[in-house]
Amino acid sequence: MRADVQQVADGTYLVHGSNTNWVILTEGDAFTLIDTGYPGDRPKLLASLAEVGGSPEAVTAVLITHAHTDHLGNAEYLNATHGTPIYLHEAEVPHARREFLHQVNVGTVLKNGWRPGVLPWAIHAIRSGGTAHVPVTASEPFPSAGPLDLPGRPVPVHTPGHTDGHCAYHLPDAGVLIAGDALVSGHPTSRIKGPQLLPDMFHRERAQAVASLEVLEGLKGEVLLPGHGPLHRGSVQEAALQARERAL
């Protein structure tokens, strides 16, 4: 299965899975994987690594923006099969281990089923394994503060709101922001195109998600890699500001 892989900078690749994106960072023959898609995205995930000259065995670590199933879906597989370390913000580790689950539930989806795109998205999510129980038992907090000693040298940026421990990842030298679900550029349940927050039903605490956009406004970069939607080129600061203005 061929993956939709887009090179956006030296050693930086955006991959479009089934409604969810992940990112591959390369440095020589070593790789960092940021997010892992739905459980049903595994063939695309493995194909995307192969397309950039990698393999699961070559992944130094997996970084997770947040522990929703569409981003965490193949992390346990990579750890159990290949011993790949899985790192998250310390507040998100118990979420990844499924000590609790803060994720949109079936009842909320049904209440919003009248909204354009919600039911088709929900059917797709279920078929992709979105309701699967996928605890990552070996998930760990980041091993250090500041730039991580991993391919790409990503810098975690705590952006709570979507979940308590949500993290974006900044690549200052490349001018790239890997935003996860703190800042997206589209979603099947949204009629808006361009920088935006996800619809309200997806956030743990919407007001905090809006506040986290101010954190992103303080980062320099010209390439936005969202958790959902297409690549966005242009000022990261302006993209975050646009999303915050749309949310107010």
C-alpha atoms as a PDB file:
ATOM      1  CA  MET A   1       0.000   0.000   0.000  1.00  0.00           C
ATOM      2  CA  ARG A   2       1.551   3.277  -1.097  1.00  0.00           C
ATOM      3  CA  ALA A   3       1.530   6.068   1.462  1.00  0.00           C
ATOM      4  CA  ASP A   4       0.907   9.757   0.760  1.00  0.00           C
ATOM      5  CA  VAL A   5       4.341  11.073   1.748  1.00  0.00           C
ATOM      6  CA  GLN A   6       5.288  14.725   1.247  1.00  0.00           C
ATOM      7  CA  GLN A   7       8.792  16.040   1.865  1.00  0.00           C
ATOM      8  CA  VAL A   8       8.486  19.494   3.420  1.00  0.00           C
ATOM      9  CA  ALA A   9      12.094  20.224   4.425  1.00  0.00           C
ATOM     10  CA  ASP A  10      15.416  18.434   4.599  1.00  0.00           C
ATOM     11  CA  GLY A  11      14.805  15.223   6.522  1.00  0.00           C
ATOM     12  CA  THR A  12      11.189  16.130   7.312  1.00  0.00           C
ATOM     13  CA  TYR A  13       8.191  14.323   5.838  1.00  0.00           C
ATOM     14  CA  LEU A  14       4.450  14.780   6.334  1.00  0.00           C
ATOM     15  CA  VAL A  15       2.362  11.651   5.809  1.00  0.00           C
ATOM     16  CA  HIS A  16      -1.395  11.706   5.243  1.00  0.00           C
ATOM     17  CA  GLY A  17      -3.057   8.619   6.667  1.00  0.00           C
ATOM     18  CA  SER A  18      -6.790   8.038   6.850  1.00  0.00           C
ATOM     19  CA  ASN A  19      -7.956  11.446   8.109  1.00  0.00           C
ATOM     20  CA  THR A  20      -4.907  11.730  10.399  1.00  0.00           C
ATOM     21  CA  ASN A  21      -1.335  12.803   9.690  1.00  0.00           C
ATOM     22  CA  TRP A  22       1.990  11.692  11.092  1.00  0.00           C
ATOM     23  CA  VAL A  23       5.533  12.997  10.590  1.00  0.00           C
ATOM     24  CA  ILE A  24       8.853  11.285   9.931  1.00  0.00           C
ATOM     25  CA  LEU A  25      12.159  12.976  10.765  1.00  0.00           C
ATOM     26  CA  THR A  26      15.345  11.513   9.312  1.00  0.00           C
ATOM     27  CA  GLU A  27      18.981  11.884  10.241  1.00  0.00           C
ATOM     28  CA  GLY A  28      21.301   9.557   8.347  1.00  0.00           C
ATOM     29  CA  ASP A  29      19.898   6.071   8.764  1.00  0.00           C
ATOM     30  CA  ALA A  30      17.966   6.910  11.949  1.00  0.00           C
ATOM     31  CA  PHE A  31      14.374   8.106  12.222  1.00  0.00           C
ATOM     32  CA  THR A  32      11.954   9.774  14.617  1.00  0.00           C
ATOM     33  CA  LEU A  33       8.263   9.056  14.121  1.00  0.00           C
ATOM     34  CA  ILE A  34       5.758  11.589  15.434  1.00  0.00           C
ATOM     35  CA  ASP A  35       2.305  10.013  15.870  1.00  0.00           C
ATOM     36  CA  THR A  36       1.237   6.696  14.377  1.00  0.00           C
ATOM     37  CA  GLY A  37      -2.293   7.048  12.944  1.00  0.00           C
ATOM     38  CA  TYR A  38      -5.304   4.824  13.553  1.00  0.00           C
ATOM     39  CA  PRO A  39      -4.747   1.110  14.199  1.00  0.00           C
ATOM     40  CA  GLY A  40      -6.065   0.539  10.667  1.00  0.00           C
ATOM     41  CA  ASP A  41      -3.347   2.810   9.277  1.00  0.00           C
ATOM     42  CA  ARG A  42      -0.584   0.290  10.013  1.00  0.00           C
ATOM     43  CA  PRO A  43      -0.002  -0.724   6.364  1.00  0.00           C
ATOM     44  CA  LYS A  44       0.287   2.951   5.395  1.00  0.00           C
ATOM     45  CA  LEU A  45       2.540   3.667   8.352  1.00  0.00           C
ATOM     46  CA  LEU A  46       4.965   0.885   7.424  1.00  0.00           C
ATOM     47  CA  ALA A  47       4.813   1.892   3.755  1.00  0.00           C
ATOM     48  CA  SER A  48       5.626   5.503   4.636  1.00  0.00           C
ATOM     49  CA  LEU A  49       8.750   4.460   6.526  1.00  0.00           C
ATOM     50  CA  ALA A  50       9.854   2.334   3.575  1.00  0.00           C
ATOM     51  CA  GLU A  51       9.221   5.186   1.151  1.00  0.00           C
ATOM     52  CA  VAL A  52      11.706   7.450   2.954  1.00  0.00           C
ATOM     53  CA  GLY A  53      14.287   4.677   3.186  1.00  0.00           C
ATOM     54  CA  GLY A  54      13.460   3.515   6.689  1.00  0.00           C
ATOM     55  CA  SER A  55      11.943   0.609   8.543  1.00  0.00           C
ATOM     56  CA  PRO A  56      10.345   0.067  11.963  1.00  0.00           C
ATOM     57  CA  GLU A  57      13.694  -1.219  13.247  1.00  0.00           C
ATOM     58  CA  ALA A  58      15.358   2.079  12.294  1.00  0.00           C
ATOM     59  CA  VAL A  59      12.947   4.238  14.327  1.00  0.00           C
ATOM     60  CA  THR A  60      14.911   5.580  17.286  1.00  0.00           C
ATOM     61  CA  ALA A  61      11.757   6.665  19.114  1.00  0.00           C
ATOM     62  CA  VAL A  62       8.095   7.482  18.662  1.00  0.00           C
ATOM     63  CA  LEU A  63       6.850  10.834  19.920  1.00  0.00           C
ATOM     64  CA  ILE A  64       3.118  11.200  20.473  1.00  0.00           C
ATOM     65  CA  THR A  65       1.363  14.567  20.352  1.00  0.00           C
ATOM     66  CA  HIS A  66      -1.522  13.191  22.402  1.00  0.00           C
ATOM     67  CA  ALA A  67      -3.077   9.866  23.280  1.00  0.00           C
ATOM     68  CA  HIS A  68      -6.202   9.815  21.126  1.00  0.00           C
ATOM     69  CA  THR A  69      -6.550   6.558  19.243  1.00  0.00           C
ATOM     70  CA  ASP A  70      -6.132   8.140  15.802  1.00  0.00           C
ATOM     71  CA  HIS A  71      -2.644   9.343  16.811  1.00  0.00           C
ATOM     72  CA  LEU A  72      -1.623   6.524  19.154  1.00  0.00           C
ATOM     73  CA  GLY A  73      -3.014   3.614  17.176  1.00  0.00           C
ATOM     74  CA  ASN A  74       0.219   1.785  16.278  1.00  0.00           C
ATOM     75  CA  ALA A  75       2.519   2.852  19.102  1.00  0.00           C
ATOM     76  CA  GLU A  76       2.015  -0.290  21.194  1.00  0.00           C
ATOM     77  CA  TYR A  77       2.664  -2.445  18.133  1.00  0.00           C
ATOM     78  CA  LEU A  78       5.979  -0.692  17.469  1.00  0.00           C
ATOM     79  CA  ASN A  79       7.060  -1.007  21.086  1.00  0.00           C
ATOM     80  CA  ALA A  80       5.980  -4.629  21.511  1.00  0.00           C
ATOM     81  CA  THR A  81       7.343  -5.799  18.158  1.00  0.00           C
ATOM     82  CA  HIS A  82      10.473  -3.688  17.773  1.00  0.00           C
ATOM     83  CA  GLY A  83      11.170  -2.320  21.247  1.00  0.00           C
ATOM     84  CA  THR A  84      10.689   1.258  20.072  1.00  0.00           C
ATOM     85  CA  PRO A  85      10.561   3.764  22.963  1.00  0.00           C
ATOM     86  CA  ILE A  86       7.333   5.786  23.137  1.00  0.00           C
ATOM     87  CA  TYR A  87       7.596   9.286  24.610  1.00  0.00           C
ATOM     88  CA  LEU A  88       4.910  11.819  25.580  1.00  0.00           C
ATOM     89  CA  HIS A  89       4.453  14.751  27.918  1.00  0.00           C
ATOM     90  CA  GLU A  90       4.350  13.508  31.507  1.00  0.00           C
ATOM     91  CA  ALA A  91       0.685  14.562  31.838  1.00  0.00           C
ATOM     92  CA  GLU A  92      -0.207  12.430  28.823  1.00  0.00           C
ATOM     93  CA  VAL A  93       1.564   9.229  29.913  1.00  0.00           C
ATOM     94  CA  PRO A  94      -1.324   7.908  32.062  1.00  0.00           C
ATOM     95  CA  HIS A  95      -3.698   8.761  29.216  1.00  0.00           C
ATOM     96  CA  ALA A  96      -1.585   6.677  26.829  1.00  0.00           C
ATOM     97  CA  ARG A  97      -1.563   3.819  29.333  1.00  0.00           C
ATOM     98  CA  ARG A  98      -5.358   4.100  29.424  1.00  0.00           C
ATOM     99  CA  GLU A  99      -5.570   4.774  33.117  1.00  0.00           C
ATOM    100  CA  PHE A 100      -8.316   7.069  31.823  1.00  0.00           C
ATOM    101  CA  LEU A 101      -9.627   8.061  28.388  1.00  0.00           C
ATOM    102  CA  HIS A 102     -10.372  11.653  27.436  1.00  0.00           C
ATOM    103  CA  GLN A 103     -11.723  11.262  23.922  1.00  0.00           C
ATOM    104  CA  VAL A 104     -14.977  12.141  22.180  1.00  0.00           C
ATOM    105  CA  ASN A 105     -17.506   9.419  22.993  1.00  0.00           C
ATOM    106  CA  VAL A 106     -20.283   7.832  20.983  1.00  0.00           C
ATOM    107  CA  GLY A 107     -22.988   9.802  22.785  1.00  0.00           C
ATOM    108  CA  THR A 108     -21.391  13.134  21.936  1.00  0.00           C
ATOM    109  CA  VAL A 109     -20.893  12.091  18.320  1.00  0.00           C
ATOM    110  CA  LEU A 110     -24.573  11.112  18.047  1.00  0.00           C
ATOM    111  CA  LYS A 111     -25.650  14.446  19.541  1.00  0.00           C
ATOM    112  CA  ASN A 112     -23.602  16.165  16.841  1.00  0.00           C
ATOM    113  CA  GLY A 113     -24.662  13.778  14.082  1.00  0.00           C
ATOM    114  CA  TRP A 114     -26.771  16.438  12.407  1.00  0.00           C
ATOM    115  CA  ARG A 115     -23.654  18.489  11.660  1.00  0.00           C
ATOM    116  CA  PRO A 116     -22.207  18.150   8.135  1.00  0.00           C
ATOM    117  CA  GLY A 117     -19.549  15.471   7.865  1.00  0.00           C
ATOM    118  CA  VAL A 118     -19.910  14.052  11.383  1.00  0.00           C
ATOM    119  CA  LEU A 119     -21.571  10.724  10.579  1.00  0.00           C
ATOM    120  CA  PRO A 120     -19.312   9.890   7.594  1.00  0.00           C
ATOM    121  CA  TRP A 121     -16.300  10.754   9.746  1.00  0.00           C
ATOM    122  CA  ALA A 122     -17.613   8.558  12.587  1.00  0.00           C
ATOM    123  CA  ILE A 123     -18.146   5.582  10.278  1.00  0.00           C
ATOM    124  CA  HIS A 124     -14.636   5.987   8.899  1.00  0.00           C
ATOM    125  CA  ALA A 125     -13.185   6.274  12.408  1.00  0.00           C
ATOM    126  CA  ILE A 126     -14.890   3.068  13.538  1.00  0.00           C
ATOM    127  CA  ARG A 127     -13.728   1.177  10.452  1.00  0.00           C
ATOM    128  CA  SER A 128     -10.179   2.422  11.045  1.00  0.00           C
ATOM    129  CA  GLY A 129     -10.138   1.176  14.639  1.00  0.00           C
ATOM    130  CA  GLY A 130     -11.011   4.444  16.337  1.00  0.00           C
ATOM    131  CA  THR A 131     -12.907   2.685  19.135  1.00  0.00           C
ATOM    132  CA  ALA A 132     -10.200   0.061  19.732  1.00  0.00           C
ATOM    133  CA  HIS A 133      -8.589  -0.287  23.146  1.00  0.00           C
ATOM    134  CA  VAL A 134      -4.935   0.510  22.426  1.00  0.00           C
ATOM    135  CA  PRO A 135      -3.093   1.194  25.707  1.00  0.00           C
ATOM    136  CA  VAL A 136       0.625   1.879  25.373  1.00  0.00           C
ATOM    137  CA  THR A 137       1.882   0.199  28.504  1.00  0.00           C
ATOM    138  CA  ALA A 138       5.518   1.185  27.961  1.00  0.00           C
ATOM    139  CA  SER A 139       4.875   4.894  27.332  1.00  0.00           C
ATOM    140  CA  GLU A 140       7.333   7.198  29.092  1.00  0.00           C
ATOM    141  CA  PRO A 141       7.734  10.944  29.709  1.00  0.00           C
ATOM    142  CA  PHE A 142      10.309  12.772  27.622  1.00  0.00           C
ATOM    143  CA  PRO A 143      13.827  11.776  28.696  1.00  0.00           C
ATOM    144  CA  SER A 144      15.052  15.383  28.845  1.00  0.00           C
ATOM    145  CA  ALA A 145      13.963  19.001  28.667  1.00  0.00           C
ATOM    146  CA  GLY A 146      14.526  21.173  25.622  1.00  0.00           C
ATOM    147  CA  PRO A 147      15.544  19.712  22.256  1.00  0.00           C
ATOM    148  CA  LEU A 148      15.317  15.938  22.400  1.00  0.00           C
ATOM    149  CA  ASP A 149      18.406  13.941  21.476  1.00  0.00           C
ATOM    150  CA  LEU A 150      16.600  12.261  18.597  1.00  0.00           C
ATOM    151  CA  PRO A 151      16.736  12.593  14.800  1.00  0.00           C
ATOM    152  CA  GLY A 152      15.447  16.068  13.898  1.00  0.00           C
ATOM    153  CA  ARG A 153      16.101  17.440  17.413  1.00  0.00           C
ATOM    154  CA  PRO A 154      12.410  18.215  18.044  1.00  0.00           C
ATOM    155  CA  VAL A 155      11.502  20.562  20.888  1.00  0.00           C
ATOM    156  CA  PRO A 156       8.320  19.588  22.780  1.00  0.00           C
ATOM    157  CA  VAL A 157       5.885  22.467  23.311  1.00  0.00           C
ATOM    158  CA  HIS A 158       3.189  21.783  25.894  1.00  0.00           C
ATOM    159  CA  THR A 159      -0.143  22.895  24.403  1.00  0.00           C
ATOM    160  CA  PRO A 160      -2.902  21.612  26.699  1.00  0.00           C
ATOM    161  CA  GLY A 161      -6.582  21.890  25.960  1.00  0.00           C
ATOM    162  CA  HIS A 162      -7.233  19.262  23.339  1.00  0.00           C
ATOM    163  CA  THR A 163      -5.931  16.910  26.027  1.00  0.00           C
ATOM    164  CA  ASP A 164      -4.164  17.746  29.284  1.00  0.00           C
ATOM    165  CA  GLY A 165      -0.757  16.656  28.056  1.00  0.00           C
ATOM    166  CA  HIS A 166      -0.965  17.587  24.389  1.00  0.00           C
ATOM    167  CA  CYS A 167       2.394  18.575  22.909  1.00  0.00           C
ATOM    168  CA  ALA A 168       3.356  20.159  19.623  1.00  0.00           C
ATOM    169  CA  TYR A 169       6.927  19.723  18.370  1.00  0.00           C
ATOM    170  CA  HIS A 170       9.007  22.617  17.068  1.00  0.00           C
ATOM    171  CA  LEU A 171      11.951  22.276  14.685  1.00  0.00           C
ATOM    172  CA  PRO A 172      13.499  25.754  15.078  1.00  0.00           C
ATOM    173  CA  ASP A 173      16.351  25.301  12.612  1.00  0.00           C
ATOM    174  CA  ALA A 174      14.018  24.012   9.888  1.00  0.00           C
ATOM    175  CA  GLY A 175      11.276  26.544  10.660  1.00  0.00           C
ATOM    176  CA  VAL A 176       8.717  23.758  11.085  1.00  0.00           C
ATOM    177  CA  LEU A 177       5.925  23.305  13.635  1.00  0.00           C
ATOM    178  CA  ILE A 178       4.400  19.851  14.066  1.00  0.00           C
ATOM    179  CA  ALA A 179       1.180  20.936  15.699  1.00  0.00           C
ATOM    180  CA  GLY A 180      -0.802  17.759  16.304  1.00  0.00           C
ATOM    181  CA  ASP A 181      -4.376  18.718  17.150  1.00  0.00           C
ATOM    182  CA  ALA A 182      -3.489  22.016  18.832  1.00  0.00           C
ATOM    183  CA  LEU A 183      -3.702  23.687  15.406  1.00  0.00           C
ATOM    184  CA  VAL A 184      -5.061  22.006  12.288  1.00  0.00           C
ATOM    185  CA  SER A 185      -5.753  23.058   8.710  1.00  0.00           C
ATOM    186  CA  GLY A 186      -8.898  21.025   8.066  1.00  0.00           C
ATOM    187  CA  HIS A 187     -11.042  18.122   9.244  1.00  0.00           C
ATOM    188  CA  PRO A 188     -13.889  16.088   7.725  1.00  0.00           C
ATOM    189  CA  THR A 189     -16.273  17.520  10.342  1.00  0.00           C
ATOM    190  CA  SER A 190     -15.314  21.146   9.674  1.00  0.00           C
ATOM    191  CA  ARG A 191     -16.430  23.306   6.777  1.00  0.00           C
ATOM    192  CA  ILE A 192     -13.556  25.721   7.411  1.00  0.00           C
ATOM    193  CA  LYS A 193     -10.356  25.536   5.388  1.00  0.00           C
ATOM    194  CA  GLY A 194      -7.052  26.793   6.684  1.00  0.00           C
ATOM    195  CA  PRO A 195      -5.676  27.240  10.220  1.00  0.00           C
ATOM    196  CA  GLN A 196      -8.262  26.453  12.882  1.00  0.00           C
ATOM    197  CA  LEU A 197      -9.089  24.624  16.058  1.00  0.00           C
ATOM    198  CA  LEU A 198     -10.909  21.326  15.723  1.00  0.00           C
ATOM    199  CA  PRO A 199     -14.661  21.483  16.409  1.00  0.00           C
ATOM    200  CA  ASP A 200     -15.549  21.900  20.080  1.00  0.00           C
ATOM    201  CA  MET A 201     -16.643  18.316  20.725  1.00  0.00           C
ATOM    202  CA  PHE A 202     -13.083  17.042  20.310  1.00  0.00           C
ATOM    203  CA  HIS A 203     -11.445  19.137  23.055  1.00  0.00           C
ATOM    204  CA  ARG A 204     -10.968  18.216  26.693  1.00  0.00           C
ATOM    205  CA  GLU A 205     -11.026  21.939  27.606  1.00  0.00           C
ATOM    206  CA  ARG A 206     -11.770  24.304  24.756  1.00  0.00           C
ATOM    207  CA  ALA A 207     -10.803  27.532  26.574  1.00  0.00           C
ATOM    208  CA  GLN A 208      -7.398  26.062  27.333  1.00  0.00           C
ATOM    209  CA  ALA A 209      -7.028  24.933  23.705  1.00  0.00           C
ATOM    210  CA  VAL A 210      -7.649  28.522  22.614  1.00  0.00           C
ATOM    211  CA  ALA A 211      -5.096  29.770  25.161  1.00  0.00           C
ATOM    212  CA  SER A 212      -2.507  27.316  23.820  1.00  0.00           C
ATOM    213  CA  LEU A 213      -2.741  28.997  20.429  1.00  0.00           C
ATOM    214  CA  GLU A 214      -1.055  31.996  22.057  1.00  0.00           C
ATOM    215  CA  VAL A 215       1.877  29.722  22.906  1.00  0.00           C
ATOM    216  CA  LEU A 216       2.134  28.731  19.252  1.00  0.00           C
ATOM    217  CA  GLU A 217       1.997  32.393  18.225  1.00  0.00           C
ATOM    218  CA  GLY A 218       5.333  32.779  19.965  1.00  0.00           C
ATOM    219  CA  LEU A 219       7.100  30.230  17.757  1.00  0.00           C
ATOM    220  CA  LYS A 220       8.952  31.098  14.577  1.00  0.00           C
ATOM    221  CA  GLY A 221       8.461  29.046  11.455  1.00  0.00           C
ATOM    222  CA  GLU A 222       7.112  29.019   7.939  1.00  0.00           C
ATOM    223  CA  VAL A 223       5.823  25.439   7.711  1.00  0.00           C
ATOM    224  CA  LEU A 224       2.880  24.063   9.681  1.00  0.00           C
ATOM    225  CA  LEU A 225       2.385  20.290   9.807  1.00  0.00           C
ATOM    226  CA  PRO A 226      -1.051  19.716  11.354  1.00  0.00           C
ATOM    227  CA  GLY A 227      -2.506  16.556  12.824  1.00  0.00           C
ATOM    228  CA  HIS A 228      -5.404  16.900  10.380  1.00  0.00           C
ATOM    229  CA  GLY A 229      -5.608  18.673   7.049  1.00  0.00           C
ATOM    230  CA  PRO A 230      -3.062  19.639   4.415  1.00  0.00           C
ATOM    231  CA  LEU A 231       0.382  21.155   4.781  1.00  0.00           C
ATOM    232  CA  HIS A 232       0.210  24.886   5.461  1.00  0.00           C
ATOM    233  CA  ARG A 233       3.021  27.145   4.286  1.00  0.00           C
ATOM    234  CA  GLY A 234       3.286  30.614   5.725  1.00  0.00           C
ATOM    235  CA  SER A 235       3.990  32.212   9.081  1.00  0.00           C
ATOM    236  CA  VAL A 236       3.248  29.841  11.962  1.00  0.00           C
ATOM    237  CA  GLN A 237       2.588  32.879  14.140  1.00  0.00           C
ATOM    238  CA  GLU A 238      -0.043  34.199  11.717  1.00  0.00           C
ATOM    239  CA  ALA A 239      -1.622  30.745  11.361  1.00  0.00           C
ATOM    240  CA  ALA A 240      -2.018  30.428  15.130  1.00  0.00           C
ATOM    241  CA  LEU A 241      -3.406  33.966  15.352  1.00  0.00           C
ATOM    242  CA  GLN A 242      -5.910  33.242  12.575  1.00  0.00           C
ATOM    243  CA  ALA A 243      -7.075  30.096  14.341  1.00  0.00           C
ATOM    244  CA  ARG A 244      -7.454  31.966  17.643  1.00  0.00           C
ATOM    245  CA  GLU A 245      -9.448  34.767  16.015  1.00  0.00           C
ATOM    246  CA  ARG A 246     -11.737  32.192  14.387  1.00  0.00           C
ATOM    247  CA  ALA A 247     -12.253  30.495  17.757  1.00  0.00           C
ATOM    248  CA  LEU A 248     -13.220  33.623  19.681  1.00  0.00           C
END
